[in-house]
Amino acid sequence: MSTTFDTAVIDNALADLTQGEKTWAATDLRRRRELLDELHALTARDAEAWVAAARTIKQLDPDSPLVGEEWMSGPMTMLGGAKALSDSLAALEQGASPLDGVEFGAAPGGRITVPALPHGIYDKLLLSGFSADVWLRPGVDGATARRKAGLAQLDPAATKGVGAVLGAGNIMSIAPLDTLYELYANNRVVALKLNPITDPLLPVFQAIFAPFIELGVVRILTGGAPEGGYLVNHPQVAHVHMTGGAPTHDAIVWGRGEEGARRRAEGKPALDKPITSELGGVAPVIVVPGEWSPADLKFQAEHVATQRLHNGGYNCVAAQTVVLSADWPLKDQFLTELRAAIDQAPTRTAYYPGSADRVAGALESYPDAGRANGRVLVENLPTADTPLLQTEYFSPVLGVVELPGSGAEFLGNAVDFANDELMGTLGANIIAHPGTIKALGAKLDAAIEKLRYGTVALNAWTGLAFLTPRASWGAFPGHTLDDIQSGVGVVHNAFLLDDVERTVVRGPFRPAPRAILAGEFTLSPKPPWFVSNKTGTSTGRKLTDFYGDGKIRRLPGIFASALRG
């Protein structure tokens, strides 16, 4: 391989890690837990520096409420992940299972479920009305789940070589969380190569991972595609994990151009080692028709706009296709509110490379689309054989499809459409009025079961599963290298569960206090991750401070800020 960079940097890092693997194998569970606790403390200490670097990368005004996204999806999520993993290590250290004391639930098809949210009193207070359950694969019983929970930490001395992690460039906690998953779930020492977009965070990541770096079990590298290619193909790397898009994955696995096409046709990957991946897709939002009030229409339109526009639209699980009933009497009113929510969302710089080209490509395919502030809304999409359904635009482009029917008929049509016509299986969203949920009954549960997605959210955004450390995060199982869709494997999963199938998130249809007046019990106001939330930055910072030190005196300030949002 021809190179234009100093290969010695990578060679030396991998040599260090090869030695560091021996150290990791000799590191007992107690010390491994202490390392997580030290990382937690360092993340809390450097949270402000983390957010300042992220704000620079994304060109956000310091006073923008959108800075709250960086607090919540950055250090706050990292703090939650480190603490939850530490709790699992503490159980294993005592000879127990991370699932001891956890009460399983049930899901259709004889599945058992593991409650990931709420986990403890503070979750019940801070995320009142929200829940997340990890569904295990059919046939797995509770005794097996408890016995296998802990994954590679059940035998910490049996390390598995050096893992290369190719970091994402969009959400700043992805790369460090993937590093922890390699270390703990898979028992591999880690060479983390940052996406060049995130290079300003290098000093922060070096600081928070300092205990692991000093131990010799983590090295953090920079560089572009040449460095990444050299790293993943290095003989001292045993495994690769990446977050990104399917085209990047395929270039790594098969190669580029004619040679890549030939290798793919022959089933001969260029990459000679296993790879796991978290990739994107065309995520649907299925809006089930019902008797919605004007306030419901406005709130849920803001909800859908958030699912597309959070982080500027640069999320692997960002909604890209809204699925509406053509027969819903309120359809036009909802679309009016959706246009307004998209138009009125705060403007921001298109920081992610290639965004303008992808938006231009969408406009070339759909010249009559509505557009405002760099955002594109394509209404009246065909229901098959159209680019928006098969291309992850990774930019602020949203499409609307209309299908016939109401109630269970519409929901069945929408599930079939999402499974059969959309690229990817990372996340699917359903929005339904409580009265509609009651009327659907078991048919709604059956629809969730039928959806082939790694996360399904009902009246919540699938992004909440990403923020929930004990939830699993990844594509629906079953993809192959030659049809990768949204990837292979899961991450986060701080219970260290085996046999994961999906995570199902649920949330309140209305925010408090309106929800309480309508008989829906939740104390949660408009979620702080909504792009329309006016106090997102204040709330995000206060939540991060609380996740950092757990001081109860911080709770009133969090609630006060959240209520003003």
Protein backbone atom coordinates (compact mmCIF):
# COMPACT_ATOMS: atom_id res chain seq x y z
CA MET A 1 0.00 0.00 0.00
CA SER A 2 1.40 3.38 -1.00
CA THR A 3 1.34 5.95 1.78
CA THR A 4 1.94 9.66 2.19
CA PHE A 5 2.18 9.68 5.98
CA ASP A 6 4.47 8.39 8.69
CA THR A 7 3.45 4.77 9.18
CA ALA A 8 5.70 4.58 12.24
CA VAL A 9 3.10 6.41 14.32
CA ILE A 10 0.57 3.64 13.75
CA ASP A 11 3.18 0.89 13.91
CA ASN A 12 4.42 2.13 17.28
CA ALA A 13 0.88 2.50 18.66
CA LEU A 14 0.02 -1.06 17.67
CA ALA A 15 3.28 -2.35 19.11
CA ASP A 16 2.40 -0.64 22.39
CA LEU A 17 -1.06 -2.18 22.33
CA THR A 18 0.25 -5.64 21.59
CA GLN A 19 2.23 -5.38 24.82
CA GLY A 20 -0.70 -3.65 26.50
CA GLU A 21 -2.92 -6.63 25.79
CA LYS A 22 -0.82 -8.65 28.23
CA THR A 23 -1.35 -5.95 30.85
CA TRP A 24 -5.10 -5.93 30.18
CA ALA A 25 -5.27 -9.71 30.56
CA ALA A 26 -3.62 -9.36 33.96
CA THR A 27 -5.92 -6.51 35.07
CA ASP A 28 -8.58 -7.81 37.43
CA LEU A 29 -12.23 -6.76 37.55
CA ARG A 30 -11.72 -4.42 40.48
CA ARG A 31 -9.06 -2.42 38.65
CA ARG A 32 -11.10 -2.43 35.46
CA ARG A 33 -14.01 -0.93 37.40
CA GLU A 34 -11.72 1.65 39.01
CA LEU A 35 -10.52 2.69 35.55
CA LEU A 36 -14.12 3.39 34.54
CA ASP A 37 -14.64 5.43 37.70
CA GLU A 38 -11.49 7.43 36.96
CA LEU A 39 -12.65 8.06 33.39
CA HIS A 40 -16.01 9.19 34.78
CA ALA A 41 -14.35 11.70 37.07
CA LEU A 42 -12.12 13.00 34.30
CA THR A 43 -15.07 13.36 31.91
CA ALA A 44 -16.92 15.41 34.53
CA ARG A 45 -13.83 17.55 35.05
CA ASP A 46 -13.35 18.19 31.32
CA ALA A 47 -16.98 18.37 30.24
CA GLU A 48 -16.81 22.10 29.54
CA ALA A 49 -13.68 21.69 27.41
CA TRP A 50 -15.42 18.85 25.54
CA VAL A 51 -18.43 21.02 24.71
CA ALA A 52 -16.26 24.00 23.76
CA ALA A 53 -14.39 21.84 21.24
CA ALA A 54 -17.62 20.39 19.88
CA ARG A 55 -19.12 23.85 19.56
CA THR A 56 -16.08 24.93 17.56
CA ILE A 57 -16.37 21.92 15.26
CA LYS A 58 -20.05 22.58 14.63
CA GLN A 59 -19.70 26.35 14.44
CA LEU A 60 -22.40 26.96 17.04
CA ASP A 61 -22.88 30.32 18.71
CA PRO A 62 -22.08 30.02 22.44
CA ASP A 63 -25.54 31.37 23.29
CA SER A 64 -27.43 29.03 20.96
CA PRO A 65 -29.89 26.64 22.66
CA LEU A 66 -28.53 24.01 20.23
CA VAL A 67 -25.33 23.82 22.31
CA GLY A 68 -27.46 21.72 24.63
CA GLU A 69 -27.22 18.93 22.05
CA GLU A 70 -23.48 18.84 22.64
CA TRP A 71 -23.83 18.61 26.42
CA MET A 72 -26.40 15.83 26.22
CA SER A 73 -25.00 13.73 23.37
CA GLY A 74 -21.41 14.36 24.47
CA PRO A 75 -20.15 14.29 28.07
CA MET A 76 -23.57 13.53 29.58
CA THR A 77 -23.91 10.36 27.53
CA MET A 78 -20.31 9.40 28.24
CA LEU A 79 -20.84 9.87 31.97
CA GLY A 80 -23.95 7.69 31.88
CA GLY A 81 -22.19 5.00 29.90
CA ALA A 82 -19.15 4.86 32.18
CA LYS A 83 -21.27 4.73 35.33
CA ALA A 84 -23.54 1.97 33.98
CA LEU A 85 -20.55 -0.13 32.89
CA SER A 86 -18.96 0.40 36.28
CA ASP A 87 -22.13 -0.92 37.94
CA SER A 88 -21.99 -4.06 35.78
CA LEU A 89 -18.30 -4.58 36.62
CA ALA A 90 -19.10 -4.16 40.32
CA ALA A 91 -21.65 -6.99 40.09
CA LEU A 92 -19.23 -9.25 38.24
CA GLU A 93 -16.51 -8.41 40.77
CA GLN A 94 -18.77 -9.82 43.49
CA GLY A 95 -19.44 -12.98 41.52
CA ALA A 96 -22.93 -11.85 40.59
CA SER A 97 -24.65 -11.16 37.28
CA PRO A 98 -25.27 -7.58 36.11
CA LEU A 99 -28.89 -8.73 35.80
CA ASP A 100 -29.26 -9.90 39.41
CA GLY A 101 -32.24 -8.08 40.88
CA VAL A 102 -33.51 -7.08 37.43
CA GLU A 103 -37.10 -8.10 36.74
CA PHE A 104 -37.62 -9.31 33.17
CA GLY A 105 -40.63 -8.41 31.08
CA ALA A 106 -42.29 -10.15 28.15
CA ALA A 107 -42.70 -9.29 24.49
CA PRO A 108 -44.53 -10.96 21.61
CA GLY A 109 -43.09 -14.15 20.21
CA GLY A 110 -42.10 -15.53 23.61
CA ARG A 111 -39.29 -13.01 24.03
CA ILE A 112 -38.06 -11.78 27.37
CA THR A 113 -37.22 -8.12 27.82
CA VAL A 114 -34.66 -6.38 30.02
CA PRO A 115 -35.62 -2.94 31.41
CA ALA A 116 -32.93 -0.41 30.52
CA LEU A 117 -34.88 2.73 31.45
CA PRO A 118 -35.81 3.82 34.04
CA HIS A 119 -32.97 2.43 36.09
CA GLY A 120 -33.26 3.90 39.55
CA ILE A 121 -35.15 6.77 41.09
CA TYR A 122 -33.33 9.54 39.25
CA ASP A 123 -34.29 8.15 35.85
CA LYS A 124 -37.89 8.07 37.03
CA LEU A 125 -37.66 11.73 37.99
CA LEU A 126 -35.59 13.08 35.10
CA LEU A 127 -37.22 11.01 32.35
CA SER A 128 -40.69 10.63 33.80
CA GLY A 129 -42.97 8.73 31.41
CA PHE A 130 -40.13 7.36 29.26
CA SER A 131 -39.01 3.74 29.19
CA ALA A 132 -36.66 1.51 27.22
CA ASP A 133 -36.59 -2.29 27.11
CA VAL A 134 -34.03 -4.51 25.42
CA TRP A 135 -35.70 -7.42 23.65
CA LEU A 136 -33.63 -10.58 23.59
CA ARG A 137 -33.88 -13.01 20.71
CA PRO A 138 -36.71 -15.56 20.73
CA GLY A 139 -35.93 -18.66 22.76
CA VAL A 140 -33.59 -16.99 25.27
CA ASP A 141 -34.81 -17.57 28.83
CA GLY A 142 -34.10 -15.53 31.93
CA ALA A 143 -31.60 -17.97 33.42
CA THR A 144 -29.56 -17.93 30.21
CA ALA A 145 -29.69 -14.13 30.02
CA ARG A 146 -28.40 -13.79 33.59
CA ARG A 147 -25.68 -16.38 33.06
CA LYS A 148 -24.36 -14.80 29.86
CA ALA A 149 -24.60 -11.15 30.97
CA GLY A 150 -21.08 -9.81 31.28
CA LEU A 151 -19.88 -11.02 27.89
CA ALA A 152 -16.06 -11.05 27.73
CA GLN A 153 -15.75 -9.82 31.32
CA LEU A 154 -16.89 -13.25 32.47
CA ASP A 155 -13.31 -14.33 31.64
CA PRO A 156 -11.22 -11.15 31.74
CA ALA A 157 -7.91 -12.92 31.24
CA ALA A 158 -9.02 -14.19 27.82
CA THR A 159 -8.26 -11.08 25.79
CA LYS A 160 -8.97 -10.91 22.07
CA GLY A 161 -6.18 -8.91 20.53
CA VAL A 162 -6.09 -5.34 19.24
CA GLY A 163 -9.29 -3.73 18.00
CA ALA A 164 -9.26 -0.79 15.60
CA VAL A 165 -12.12 1.64 16.14
CA LEU A 166 -12.87 4.13 13.37
CA GLY A 167 -14.60 7.02 15.11
CA ALA A 168 -17.63 8.90 13.86
CA GLY A 169 -17.58 12.58 12.95
CA ASN A 170 -21.08 13.60 13.97
CA ILE A 171 -21.95 12.75 17.60
CA MET A 172 -18.97 13.30 19.84
CA SER A 173 -19.57 10.49 22.35
CA ILE A 174 -19.69 7.75 19.70
CA ALA A 175 -15.96 7.17 19.39
CA PRO A 176 -15.17 7.06 23.13
CA LEU A 177 -18.21 4.89 23.88
CA ASP A 178 -17.25 2.47 21.10
CA THR A 179 -13.78 2.34 22.65
CA LEU A 180 -15.24 1.33 26.01
CA TYR A 181 -17.38 -1.33 24.35
CA GLU A 182 -14.36 -2.87 22.67
CA LEU A 183 -12.45 -2.87 25.95
CA TYR A 184 -15.22 -4.30 28.12
CA ALA A 185 -17.75 -6.19 26.01
CA ASN A 186 -15.14 -7.66 23.68
CA ASN A 187 -11.99 -7.59 25.87
CA ARG A 188 -9.84 -6.02 23.16
CA VAL A 189 -7.28 -3.26 23.63
CA VAL A 190 -8.06 -0.36 21.32
CA ALA A 191 -6.49 1.77 18.63
CA LEU A 192 -9.03 4.56 18.20
CA LYS A 193 -8.65 6.59 15.03
CA LEU A 194 -10.63 9.80 15.18
CA ASN A 195 -12.60 11.11 12.26
CA PRO A 196 -10.67 14.21 11.09
CA ILE A 197 -13.74 16.33 11.82
CA THR A 198 -13.30 15.60 15.51
CA ASP A 199 -9.56 16.30 15.78
CA PRO A 200 -10.17 19.37 17.99
CA LEU A 201 -11.40 16.90 20.63
CA LEU A 202 -8.10 14.99 20.68
CA PRO A 203 -6.77 16.73 23.83
CA VAL A 204 -10.05 16.07 25.65
CA PHE A 205 -10.14 12.41 24.70
CA GLN A 206 -6.48 11.99 25.65
CA ALA A 207 -7.25 13.55 29.02
CA ILE A 208 -10.30 11.45 29.87
CA PHE A 209 -8.68 8.21 28.64
CA ALA A 210 -5.40 8.99 30.41
CA PRO A 211 -5.69 6.04 32.84
CA PHE A 212 -6.21 3.62 29.94
CA ILE A 213 -3.45 5.23 27.87
CA GLU A 214 -1.01 5.01 30.78
CA LEU A 215 -1.90 1.35 31.20
CA GLY A 216 -1.07 0.78 27.56
CA VAL A 217 -4.53 -0.46 26.49
CA VAL A 218 -5.73 2.57 24.46
CA ARG A 219 -4.00 4.61 21.80
CA ILE A 220 -5.69 7.51 20.02
CA LEU A 221 -4.69 8.23 16.43
CA THR A 222 -5.58 10.90 13.89
CA GLY A 223 -5.53 11.10 10.12
CA GLY A 224 -7.76 10.56 7.13
CA ALA A 225 -8.68 7.67 4.88
CA PRO A 226 -5.06 6.62 4.13
CA GLU A 227 -4.24 6.30 7.82
CA GLY A 228 -7.50 4.49 8.43
CA GLY A 229 -6.82 2.07 5.60
CA TYR A 230 -3.31 1.35 6.87
CA LEU A 231 -4.62 0.81 10.40
CA VAL A 232 -7.46 -1.60 9.62
CA ASN A 233 -5.30 -3.69 7.29
CA HIS A 234 -2.37 -3.87 9.71
CA PRO A 235 -1.43 -7.44 10.66
CA GLN A 236 -1.44 -6.57 14.37
CA VAL A 237 -5.13 -5.57 14.25
CA ALA A 238 -7.46 -8.48 15.00
CA HIS A 239 -10.83 -6.77 14.59
CA VAL A 240 -12.34 -3.57 13.18
CA HIS A 241 -15.34 -1.58 14.40
CA MET A 242 -16.61 1.45 12.53
CA THR A 243 -19.43 3.97 12.67
CA GLY A 244 -20.39 5.71 9.46
CA GLY A 245 -22.12 5.06 6.17
CA ALA A 246 -22.59 1.88 4.17
CA PRO A 247 -20.43 3.14 1.26
CA THR A 248 -17.47 3.67 3.61
CA HIS A 249 -17.99 0.23 5.11
CA ASP A 250 -18.07 -1.39 1.69
CA ALA A 251 -14.92 0.44 0.60
CA ILE A 252 -13.11 -0.92 3.67
CA VAL A 253 -14.40 -4.47 3.25
CA TRP A 254 -14.32 -4.89 -0.53
CA GLY A 255 -12.13 -2.07 -1.82
CA ARG A 256 -13.01 0.69 -4.24
CA GLY A 257 -13.80 0.89 -7.94
CA GLU A 258 -13.63 -2.03 -10.30
CA GLU A 259 -11.50 -4.13 -7.96
CA GLY A 260 -14.04 -3.66 -5.15
CA ALA A 261 -16.89 -4.64 -7.45
CA ARG A 262 -15.02 -7.72 -8.60
CA ARG A 263 -14.20 -8.81 -5.06
CA ARG A 264 -17.79 -8.34 -4.02
CA ALA A 265 -19.06 -10.38 -6.96
CA GLU A 266 -16.60 -13.14 -6.11
CA GLY A 267 -17.30 -12.97 -2.37
CA LYS A 268 -13.63 -12.27 -1.58
CA PRO A 269 -13.31 -9.34 0.87
CA ALA A 270 -10.18 -7.22 0.78
CA LEU A 271 -10.34 -6.99 4.58
CA ASP A 272 -8.94 -10.18 6.08
CA LYS A 273 -10.45 -9.82 9.57
CA PRO A 274 -13.89 -9.51 11.15
CA ILE A 275 -15.66 -6.15 11.24
CA THR A 276 -18.64 -4.85 13.17
CA SER A 277 -20.39 -1.63 12.27
CA GLU A 278 -23.06 0.90 13.15
CA LEU A 279 -24.29 2.47 9.94
CA GLY A 280 -27.18 4.69 9.03
CA GLY A 281 -30.21 4.33 6.83
CA VAL A 282 -33.54 5.87 5.89
CA ALA A 283 -35.35 5.98 9.22
CA PRO A 284 -39.16 6.17 9.13
CA VAL A 285 -41.61 8.04 11.34
CA ILE A 286 -44.97 6.30 11.16
CA VAL A 287 -47.72 8.75 12.17
CA VAL A 288 -50.80 6.70 13.07
CA PRO A 289 -54.01 8.67 12.40
CA GLY A 290 -56.14 9.62 15.38
CA GLU A 291 -58.17 12.35 17.08
CA TRP A 292 -55.44 14.91 17.74
CA SER A 293 -55.97 18.36 19.20
CA PRO A 294 -54.32 21.45 17.66
CA ALA A 295 -51.76 21.33 20.49
CA ASP A 296 -51.05 17.67 19.70
CA LEU A 297 -50.50 18.47 16.03
CA LYS A 298 -48.06 21.27 16.86
CA PHE A 299 -46.10 19.30 19.47
CA GLN A 300 -45.74 16.19 17.34
CA ALA A 301 -44.75 18.25 14.30
CA GLU A 302 -41.92 19.70 16.42
CA HIS A 303 -41.12 16.14 17.48
CA VAL A 304 -40.77 14.98 13.87
CA ALA A 305 -38.76 18.09 12.94
CA THR A 306 -36.40 17.28 15.83
CA GLN A 307 -35.95 13.72 14.61
CA ARG A 308 -34.70 15.15 11.31
CA LEU A 309 -32.94 18.35 12.36
CA HIS A 310 -31.20 17.39 15.62
CA ASN A 311 -27.46 17.91 15.05
CA GLY A 312 -28.31 19.57 11.75
CA GLY A 313 -29.61 16.28 10.33
CA TYR A 314 -26.22 14.57 10.65
CA ASN A 315 -27.37 11.56 12.65
CA CYS A 316 -27.33 7.94 11.52
CA VAL A 317 -30.79 7.52 12.99
CA ALA A 318 -32.23 10.85 11.83
CA ALA A 319 -35.75 10.50 10.48
CA GLN A 320 -35.86 10.73 6.71
CA THR A 321 -39.33 9.46 5.73
CA VAL A 322 -42.60 10.49 7.37
CA VAL A 323 -45.34 7.93 6.70
CA LEU A 324 -48.84 9.42 6.85
CA SER A 325 -52.32 8.06 6.23
CA ALA A 326 -53.78 9.48 3.03
CA ASP A 327 -57.20 9.04 4.68
CA TRP A 328 -56.44 10.93 7.91
CA PRO A 329 -58.77 13.94 8.15
CA LEU A 330 -56.06 15.88 10.01
CA LYS A 331 -53.29 15.08 7.51
CA ASP A 332 -53.22 18.54 5.91
CA GLN A 333 -53.23 20.28 9.29
CA PHE A 334 -50.34 18.11 10.45
CA LEU A 335 -48.36 18.90 7.30
CA THR A 336 -48.98 22.61 7.83
CA GLU A 337 -47.56 22.31 11.36
CA LEU A 338 -44.63 20.21 10.12
CA ARG A 339 -43.66 22.80 7.51
CA ALA A 340 -43.80 25.49 10.19
CA ALA A 341 -41.73 23.44 12.65
CA ILE A 342 -39.03 22.88 10.03
CA ASP A 343 -39.03 26.51 8.91
CA GLN A 344 -38.93 27.88 12.45
CA ALA A 345 -36.23 25.59 13.84
CA PRO A 346 -33.03 27.47 14.70
CA THR A 347 -30.72 28.00 11.75
CA ARG A 348 -27.25 26.52 11.91
CA THR A 349 -24.13 26.04 9.82
CA ALA A 350 -23.98 22.94 7.63
CA TYR A 351 -20.73 21.78 9.24
CA TYR A 352 -20.60 18.19 7.99
CA PRO A 353 -18.58 17.73 4.80
CA GLY A 354 -20.58 17.00 1.67
CA SER A 355 -23.87 18.21 3.11
CA ALA A 356 -24.43 20.84 0.41
CA ASP A 357 -23.82 18.27 -2.33
CA ARG A 358 -26.26 15.82 -0.78
CA VAL A 359 -28.93 18.51 -0.47
CA ALA A 360 -28.29 19.51 -4.07
CA GLY A 361 -28.69 15.87 -5.09
CA ALA A 362 -32.05 15.70 -3.34
CA LEU A 363 -33.20 18.89 -5.07
CA GLU A 364 -32.09 17.53 -8.41
CA SER A 365 -34.24 14.45 -7.83
CA TYR A 366 -37.15 16.48 -6.42
CA PRO A 367 -37.08 19.97 -7.99
CA ASP A 368 -40.53 20.85 -6.62
CA ALA A 369 -39.56 20.19 -3.00
CA GLY A 370 -40.09 22.85 -0.37
CA ARG A 371 -36.97 24.44 1.00
CA ALA A 372 -36.09 26.86 3.79
CA ASN A 373 -32.85 27.67 5.62
CA GLY A 374 -30.99 24.94 3.76
CA ARG A 375 -33.63 22.32 4.62
CA VAL A 376 -35.65 20.29 2.15
CA LEU A 377 -39.13 18.82 2.60
CA VAL A 378 -40.29 16.49 -0.18
CA GLU A 379 -44.02 15.79 -0.06
CA ASN A 380 -46.10 13.28 -2.05
CA LEU A 381 -43.21 10.87 -2.52
CA PRO A 382 -43.71 7.74 -4.61
CA THR A 383 -43.96 4.66 -2.40
CA ALA A 384 -41.22 2.74 -4.23
CA ASP A 385 -38.26 3.15 -6.59
CA THR A 386 -37.37 6.70 -5.63
CA PRO A 387 -33.97 7.92 -4.34
CA LEU A 388 -35.13 9.28 -1.01
CA LEU A 389 -36.23 5.83 0.14
CA GLN A 390 -32.91 4.18 -0.69
CA THR A 391 -30.33 6.94 -0.12
CA GLU A 392 -29.22 8.09 3.31
CA TYR A 393 -28.87 11.82 2.65
CA PHE A 394 -27.21 12.56 6.03
CA SER A 395 -28.35 16.17 5.73
CA PRO A 396 -31.55 18.12 6.47
CA VAL A 397 -33.70 16.35 3.86
CA LEU A 398 -37.09 14.92 4.87
CA GLY A 399 -39.68 13.14 2.73
CA VAL A 400 -43.37 12.41 3.19
CA VAL A 401 -45.11 9.27 1.94
CA GLU A 402 -48.87 8.75 2.08
CA LEU A 403 -50.37 5.26 2.39
CA PRO A 404 -54.04 4.22 2.48
CA GLY A 405 -56.02 3.13 5.49
CA SER A 406 -56.61 3.99 9.12
CA GLY A 407 -56.10 2.19 12.40
CA ALA A 408 -54.64 -1.30 12.15
CA GLU A 409 -54.92 -1.33 8.36
CA PHE A 410 -52.75 1.76 8.00
CA LEU A 411 -50.27 0.55 10.62
CA GLY A 412 -49.88 -2.75 8.80
CA ASN A 413 -49.33 -0.96 5.49
CA ALA A 414 -46.77 1.35 7.11
CA VAL A 415 -44.82 -1.50 8.73
CA ASP A 416 -44.65 -3.40 5.44
CA PHE A 417 -43.50 -0.23 3.68
CA ALA A 418 -40.78 0.45 6.28
CA ASN A 419 -39.53 -3.14 6.13
CA ASP A 420 -39.66 -3.59 2.37
CA GLU A 421 -38.97 -0.21 0.77
CA LEU A 422 -36.56 1.67 3.04
CA MET A 423 -32.80 1.18 3.19
CA GLY A 424 -31.40 0.36 6.62
CA THR A 425 -32.65 -1.06 9.91
CA LEU A 426 -31.15 1.17 12.61
CA GLY A 427 -34.28 2.86 13.95
CA ALA A 428 -38.00 3.33 13.32
CA ASN A 429 -40.40 5.69 15.07
CA ILE A 430 -44.15 5.39 15.65
CA ILE A 431 -46.35 8.25 16.86
CA ALA A 432 -49.85 7.39 18.09
CA HIS A 433 -52.49 9.01 20.30
CA PRO A 434 -53.13 7.17 23.61
CA GLY A 435 -56.70 6.50 22.49
CA THR A 436 -55.41 4.95 19.28
CA ILE A 437 -52.91 2.86 21.22
CA LYS A 438 -55.71 1.54 23.41
CA ALA A 439 -57.90 0.77 20.40
CA LEU A 440 -55.09 -1.05 18.61
CA GLY A 441 -54.22 -3.15 21.66
CA ALA A 442 -52.21 -6.24 20.78
CA LYS A 443 -52.11 -5.21 17.13
CA LEU A 444 -49.68 -2.43 18.04
CA ASP A 445 -47.41 -4.86 19.89
CA ALA A 446 -47.53 -7.14 16.85
CA ALA A 447 -46.57 -4.22 14.60
CA ILE A 448 -43.57 -3.38 16.79
CA GLU A 449 -42.52 -7.03 16.71
CA LYS A 450 -42.82 -7.10 12.91
CA LEU A 451 -40.65 -4.01 12.38
CA ARG A 452 -37.14 -5.17 11.51
CA TYR A 453 -35.24 -2.35 13.23
CA GLY A 454 -32.60 -2.31 15.94
CA THR A 455 -34.53 0.35 17.86
CA VAL A 456 -38.25 1.06 17.68
CA ALA A 457 -39.62 4.13 19.47
CA LEU A 458 -43.27 4.72 20.33
CA ASN A 459 -44.06 8.40 21.01
CA ALA A 460 -40.36 9.00 21.52
CA TRP A 461 -37.35 9.39 19.26
CA THR A 462 -35.07 6.42 18.74
CA GLY A 463 -32.19 8.75 19.62
CA LEU A 464 -33.22 8.31 23.27
CA ALA A 465 -31.97 4.71 23.05
CA PHE A 466 -28.56 6.10 22.09
CA LEU A 467 -28.59 8.26 25.22
CA THR A 468 -29.65 5.31 27.44
CA PRO A 469 -26.50 3.45 28.49
CA ARG A 470 -28.12 0.10 29.30
CA ALA A 471 -30.02 0.00 26.02
CA SER A 472 -28.54 -1.72 23.00
CA TRP A 473 -27.64 0.32 19.93
CA GLY A 474 -27.20 -1.10 16.46
CA ALA A 475 -28.93 -2.54 13.42
CA PHE A 476 -31.50 -5.30 13.45
CA PRO A 477 -29.57 -8.60 13.47
CA GLY A 478 -29.00 -10.64 10.34
CA HIS A 479 -27.14 -8.42 7.89
CA THR A 480 -24.21 -9.77 5.90
CA LEU A 481 -21.07 -8.19 4.48
CA ASP A 482 -22.51 -8.12 0.97
CA ASP A 483 -25.81 -6.57 2.15
CA ILE A 484 -24.72 -4.57 5.16
CA GLN A 485 -27.71 -2.16 5.47
CA SER A 486 -27.24 -0.57 8.94
CA GLY A 487 -24.43 -2.80 10.11
CA VAL A 488 -23.58 -5.81 12.24
CA GLY A 489 -23.38 -5.97 16.03
CA VAL A 490 -24.39 -3.66 18.88
CA VAL A 491 -22.70 -1.17 21.19
CA HIS A 492 -23.51 0.63 24.48
CA ASN A 493 -25.44 -2.27 26.11
CA ALA A 494 -23.97 -1.57 29.55
CA PHE A 495 -25.64 -4.64 31.08
CA LEU A 496 -23.29 -6.51 28.69
CA LEU A 497 -26.17 -8.62 27.39
CA ASP A 498 -25.78 -11.41 24.89
CA ASP A 499 -28.44 -12.41 22.33
CA VAL A 500 -29.74 -8.86 21.83
CA GLU A 501 -32.39 -8.36 19.17
CA ARG A 502 -33.58 -4.76 19.59
CA THR A 503 -34.46 -1.96 21.97
CA VAL A 504 -38.01 -0.60 22.27
CA VAL A 505 -38.41 2.93 23.63
CA ARG A 506 -41.69 4.44 24.78
CA GLY A 507 -42.57 7.99 25.74
CA PRO A 508 -45.55 10.22 26.54
CA PHE A 509 -47.68 11.49 23.68
CA ARG A 510 -48.00 14.92 25.30
CA PRO A 511 -45.68 16.97 27.50
CA ALA A 512 -46.49 17.98 31.07
CA PRO A 513 -48.53 19.67 32.32
CA ARG A 514 -50.89 19.16 29.35
CA ALA A 515 -50.39 15.39 29.55
CA ILE A 516 -51.55 15.25 33.17
CA LEU A 517 -54.69 17.22 32.35
CA ALA A 518 -55.43 14.66 29.62
CA GLY A 519 -54.96 11.71 31.98
CA GLU A 520 -51.48 10.71 30.81
CA PHE A 521 -49.13 10.46 33.79
CA THR A 522 -45.79 12.10 33.11
CA LEU A 523 -43.88 14.92 34.72
CA SER A 524 -41.73 15.52 31.62
CA PRO A 525 -42.15 18.84 29.82
CA LYS A 526 -40.97 19.35 26.24
CA PRO A 527 -37.81 17.20 26.03
CA PRO A 528 -34.57 19.18 26.16
CA TRP A 529 -33.34 17.53 22.93
CA PHE A 530 -36.17 19.13 20.90
CA VAL A 531 -34.71 21.63 18.44
CA SER A 532 -37.50 23.99 19.49
CA ASN A 533 -36.50 23.85 23.17
CA LYS A 534 -35.48 27.35 24.30
CA THR A 535 -33.46 26.19 27.33
CA GLY A 536 -31.72 23.18 25.81
CA THR A 537 -28.25 24.48 26.64
CA SER A 538 -29.06 25.34 30.24
CA THR A 539 -30.84 22.04 30.84
CA GLY A 540 -28.16 20.00 29.07
CA ARG A 541 -25.40 21.55 31.13
CA LYS A 542 -27.27 21.06 34.39
CA LEU A 543 -28.01 17.42 33.51
CA THR A 544 -24.33 16.84 32.72
CA ASP A 545 -23.30 18.34 36.05
CA PHE A 546 -25.72 16.01 37.81
CA TYR A 547 -24.52 12.95 35.89
CA GLY A 548 -21.02 13.98 36.90
CA ASP A 549 -21.43 14.24 40.67
CA GLY A 550 -24.94 12.98 41.48
CA LYS A 551 -25.63 15.81 43.91
CA ILE A 552 -29.34 15.92 44.73
CA ARG A 553 -29.21 19.70 45.23
CA ARG A 554 -28.87 20.03 41.44
CA LEU A 555 -32.33 18.56 40.74
CA PRO A 556 -34.46 21.70 41.36
CA GLY A 557 -32.34 23.67 38.90
CA ILE A 558 -32.73 20.95 36.27
CA PHE A 559 -36.51 20.90 36.67
CA ALA A 560 -36.77 24.70 36.60
CA SER A 561 -34.71 24.94 33.42
CA ALA A 562 -36.61 22.08 31.75
CA LEU A 563 -39.99 23.64 32.49
CA ARG A 564 -38.92 26.91 30.83
CA GLY A 565 -38.02 25.05 27.62
